[in-house]
Amino acid sequence: MARSESRALAILDIVQRLVSAARAPVAEIRAAISRGQVHQAIHMLHTLNGSIANLGGRRVCEAAGRLESLLERELNDQTVSELLQVLDVEFTQLLASAEVWLLSQKCRFDLDSQRLAAWEMRLRELTTCLQENNLKAFDLFDELKQQLQRQMPPEDFLGFGTALHSLDFDSALRCIQNCGMDRGATAP
């Protein structure tokens, strides 16, 4: 798996866990405050702030930071209640945005994965046709020409095209093998 693909999956996983948790973090903070467990609430706010900051949730972080600061100074219940409400609203909006983003990224990622799988399947088919001296290799070359040109060094692509058009399928196959494209290609 490519490094960027692995990183994308990790980010998708983090956002998925946030969305799956829904509003539980804010509810737990509210419950801790109701039980008088101020230090636990401060700790949860600090943790929430750090987690959301990594995702760019600036308004949630600001609300969590103000509430954390307020609890550390032990100010009145009315202000705490108001800031809890602000945090709840901001967190709910962040969750809604995260759900939309997650859906769009999953669709895009799935589409990229499908394109990569199709490209690899067609490349394997081209390799097989070259091994079998099958003239279908010409049709596959026409279909994959742009991707092959992007994937192969220019001299290898030129050599591949020349060998194929000369019906020298063994040389064409070696060009693909020399580029390592027969062992799995990168995304087109």
Protein backbone atom coordinates (compact mmCIF):
# COMPACT_ATOMS: atom_id res chain seq x y z
CA MET A 1 0.00 0.00 0.00
CA ALA A 2 1.34 3.42 -0.90
CA ARG A 3 2.31 5.73 1.95
CA SER A 4 -0.24 8.36 0.95
CA GLU A 5 -2.96 5.71 0.74
CA SER A 6 -2.03 4.44 4.20
CA ARG A 7 -2.12 7.98 5.57
CA ALA A 8 -5.50 8.63 3.96
CA LEU A 9 -6.89 5.47 5.56
CA ALA A 10 -5.57 6.57 8.97
CA ILE A 11 -7.24 9.96 8.65
CA LEU A 12 -10.47 8.35 7.53
CA ASP A 13 -10.31 6.07 10.57
CA ILE A 14 -9.78 8.99 12.97
CA VAL A 15 -12.71 10.94 11.55
CA GLN A 16 -14.86 7.79 11.51
CA ARG A 17 -14.17 7.25 15.22
CA LEU A 18 -15.10 10.88 15.94
CA VAL A 19 -18.36 10.55 14.03
CA SER A 20 -19.11 7.18 15.64
CA ALA A 21 -18.66 8.63 19.13
CA ALA A 22 -21.24 11.26 18.16
CA ARG A 23 -21.98 13.67 20.98
CA ALA A 24 -20.75 11.35 23.75
CA PRO A 25 -17.66 13.44 24.62
CA VAL A 26 -19.74 16.55 25.33
CA ALA A 27 -22.36 14.51 27.21
CA GLU A 28 -19.62 12.98 29.38
CA ILE A 29 -18.18 16.43 30.12
CA ARG A 30 -21.64 17.69 31.04
CA ALA A 31 -22.21 14.66 33.31
CA ALA A 32 -18.85 15.12 35.06
CA ILE A 33 -19.69 18.77 35.75
CA SER A 34 -23.13 17.77 37.06
CA ARG A 35 -21.51 15.28 39.45
CA GLY A 36 -19.11 17.96 40.66
CA GLN A 37 -16.11 16.18 39.15
CA VAL A 38 -14.54 19.38 37.89
CA HIS A 39 -11.00 17.99 37.56
CA GLN A 40 -12.30 15.10 35.44
CA ALA A 41 -14.28 17.55 33.27
CA ILE A 42 -11.18 19.74 32.84
CA HIS A 43 -9.16 16.69 31.80
CA MET A 44 -11.85 15.62 29.30
CA LEU A 45 -12.05 19.15 27.88
CA HIS A 46 -8.28 19.27 27.49
CA THR A 47 -8.29 15.88 25.72
CA LEU A 48 -11.17 16.92 23.47
CA ASN A 49 -9.40 20.15 22.63
CA GLY A 50 -6.23 18.32 21.59
CA SER A 51 -8.08 15.74 19.52
CA ILE A 52 -10.25 18.24 17.69
CA ALA A 53 -7.33 20.62 17.10
CA ASN A 54 -5.67 17.90 15.00
CA LEU A 55 -8.75 17.90 12.78
CA GLY A 56 -8.96 21.67 12.43
CA GLY A 57 -12.05 22.20 14.60
CA ARG A 58 -11.08 25.70 15.70
CA ARG A 59 -14.48 26.80 17.07
CA VAL A 60 -14.87 23.63 19.15
CA CYS A 61 -11.36 24.15 20.50
CA GLU A 62 -12.10 27.74 21.40
CA ALA A 63 -15.30 26.76 23.24
CA ALA A 64 -13.58 23.85 25.01
CA GLY A 65 -10.64 26.06 25.97
CA ARG A 66 -12.89 28.80 27.39
CA LEU A 67 -14.88 26.24 29.37
CA GLU A 68 -11.71 24.58 30.66
CA SER A 69 -10.36 27.95 31.74
CA LEU A 70 -13.66 28.85 33.39
CA LEU A 71 -13.76 25.58 35.34
CA GLU A 72 -10.17 26.08 36.50
CA ARG A 73 -11.18 29.48 37.91
CA GLU A 74 -14.36 27.98 39.46
CA LEU A 75 -16.72 30.62 38.10
CA ASN A 76 -20.52 30.55 38.38
CA ASP A 77 -22.82 27.80 37.18
CA GLN A 78 -24.74 30.04 34.75
CA THR A 79 -21.64 30.87 32.73
CA VAL A 80 -20.56 27.19 32.77
CA SER A 81 -24.01 26.18 31.53
CA GLU A 82 -23.89 28.77 28.73
CA LEU A 83 -20.43 27.66 27.61
CA LEU A 84 -21.50 24.01 27.72
CA GLN A 85 -24.34 24.93 25.38
CA VAL A 86 -21.93 26.74 23.03
CA LEU A 87 -19.60 23.73 23.09
CA ASP A 88 -22.51 21.40 22.35
CA VAL A 89 -23.65 23.50 19.37
CA GLU A 90 -20.14 23.84 17.93
CA PHE A 91 -19.38 20.15 18.42
CA THR A 92 -22.67 19.18 16.75
CA GLN A 93 -21.81 21.38 13.76
CA LEU A 94 -18.34 19.87 13.58
CA LEU A 95 -19.84 16.37 13.62
CA ALA A 96 -22.20 17.25 10.78
CA SER A 97 -19.32 18.62 8.71
CA ALA A 98 -17.18 15.59 9.55
CA GLU A 99 -19.94 13.22 8.41
CA VAL A 100 -20.26 15.01 5.07
CA TRP A 101 -16.49 15.07 4.61
CA LEU A 102 -16.18 11.41 5.58
CA LEU A 103 -18.82 10.36 3.08
CA SER A 104 -17.20 12.35 0.27
CA GLN A 105 -13.75 10.96 1.09
CA LYS A 106 -14.98 7.39 1.30
CA CYS A 107 -16.64 7.76 -2.09
CA ARG A 108 -13.51 9.33 -3.59
CA PHE A 109 -11.23 6.79 -1.97
CA ASP A 110 -13.41 3.91 -3.15
CA LEU A 111 -13.42 5.37 -6.66
CA ASP A 112 -9.62 5.71 -6.62
CA SER A 113 -9.31 2.13 -5.38
CA GLN A 114 -11.63 0.92 -8.13
CA ARG A 115 -9.62 2.79 -10.76
CA LEU A 116 -6.38 1.33 -9.43
CA ALA A 117 -7.84 -2.19 -9.40
CA ALA A 118 -9.11 -1.79 -12.98
CA TRP A 119 -5.72 -0.42 -14.11
CA GLU A 120 -3.85 -3.30 -12.48
CA MET A 121 -6.25 -5.86 -13.98
CA ARG A 122 -5.84 -4.41 -17.50
CA LEU A 123 -2.05 -4.25 -17.06
CA ARG A 124 -1.98 -7.93 -16.02
CA GLU A 125 -4.10 -8.71 -19.06
CA LEU A 126 -1.63 -6.82 -21.29
CA THR A 127 1.27 -8.72 -19.71
CA THR A 128 -0.50 -12.04 -20.34
CA CYS A 129 -1.21 -11.10 -23.96
CA LEU A 130 2.46 -10.24 -24.48
CA GLN A 131 3.53 -13.56 -22.93
CA GLU A 132 1.14 -15.41 -25.26
CA ASN A 133 1.97 -13.32 -28.37
CA ASN A 134 -1.70 -12.39 -28.48
CA LEU A 135 -2.58 -9.52 -30.82
CA LYS A 136 -5.11 -8.27 -28.28
CA ALA A 137 -2.04 -6.55 -26.78
CA PHE A 138 -2.50 -3.82 -29.42
CA ASP A 139 -6.03 -3.04 -28.22
CA LEU A 140 -4.88 -3.00 -24.61
CA PHE A 141 -1.95 -0.76 -25.51
CA ASP A 142 -4.33 1.71 -27.16
CA GLU A 143 -6.55 1.64 -24.07
CA LEU A 144 -3.70 2.02 -21.57
CA LYS A 145 -1.40 4.24 -23.64
CA GLN A 146 -1.82 7.43 -21.59
CA GLN A 147 -1.40 5.66 -18.24
CA LEU A 148 1.60 3.70 -19.51
CA GLN A 149 3.19 6.90 -20.76
CA ARG A 150 2.76 8.49 -17.30
CA GLN A 151 4.07 5.43 -15.48
CA MET A 152 7.06 4.50 -17.62
CA PRO A 153 10.27 6.45 -18.15
CA PRO A 154 10.13 8.02 -21.64
CA GLU A 155 12.82 5.77 -23.13
CA ASP A 156 11.07 2.63 -21.80
CA PHE A 157 7.72 3.78 -23.13
CA LEU A 158 9.24 4.46 -26.55
CA GLY A 159 11.00 1.08 -26.51
CA PHE A 160 7.77 -0.63 -25.46
CA GLY A 161 5.77 0.98 -28.29
CA THR A 162 8.46 0.23 -30.87
CA ALA A 163 8.76 -3.42 -29.76
CA LEU A 164 5.02 -3.90 -29.75
CA HIS A 165 4.56 -2.41 -33.22
CA SER A 166 7.44 -4.58 -34.48
CA LEU A 167 5.59 -7.62 -33.07
CA ASP A 168 8.52 -8.21 -30.72
CA PHE A 169 6.31 -9.17 -27.79
CA ASP A 170 9.23 -10.51 -25.71
CA SER A 171 11.01 -7.12 -25.82
CA ALA A 172 7.75 -5.30 -25.05
CA LEU A 173 7.21 -7.59 -22.06
CA ARG A 174 10.77 -6.93 -20.84
CA CYS A 175 10.08 -3.17 -20.97
CA ILE A 176 7.12 -3.64 -18.62
CA GLN A 177 9.08 -5.98 -16.38
CA ASN A 178 12.08 -3.63 -16.26
CA CYS A 179 9.83 -0.87 -14.97
CA GLY A 180 8.45 -3.20 -12.31
CA MET A 181 4.96 -2.64 -13.66
CA ASP A 182 4.22 -6.35 -13.85
CA ARG A 183 4.43 -6.56 -10.04
CA GLY A 184 1.75 -4.00 -9.29
CA ALA A 185 1.35 -0.55 -10.66
CA THR A 186 0.85 2.76 -9.00
CA ALA A 187 -2.39 4.60 -9.52
CA PRO A 188 -2.85 5.96 -13.02
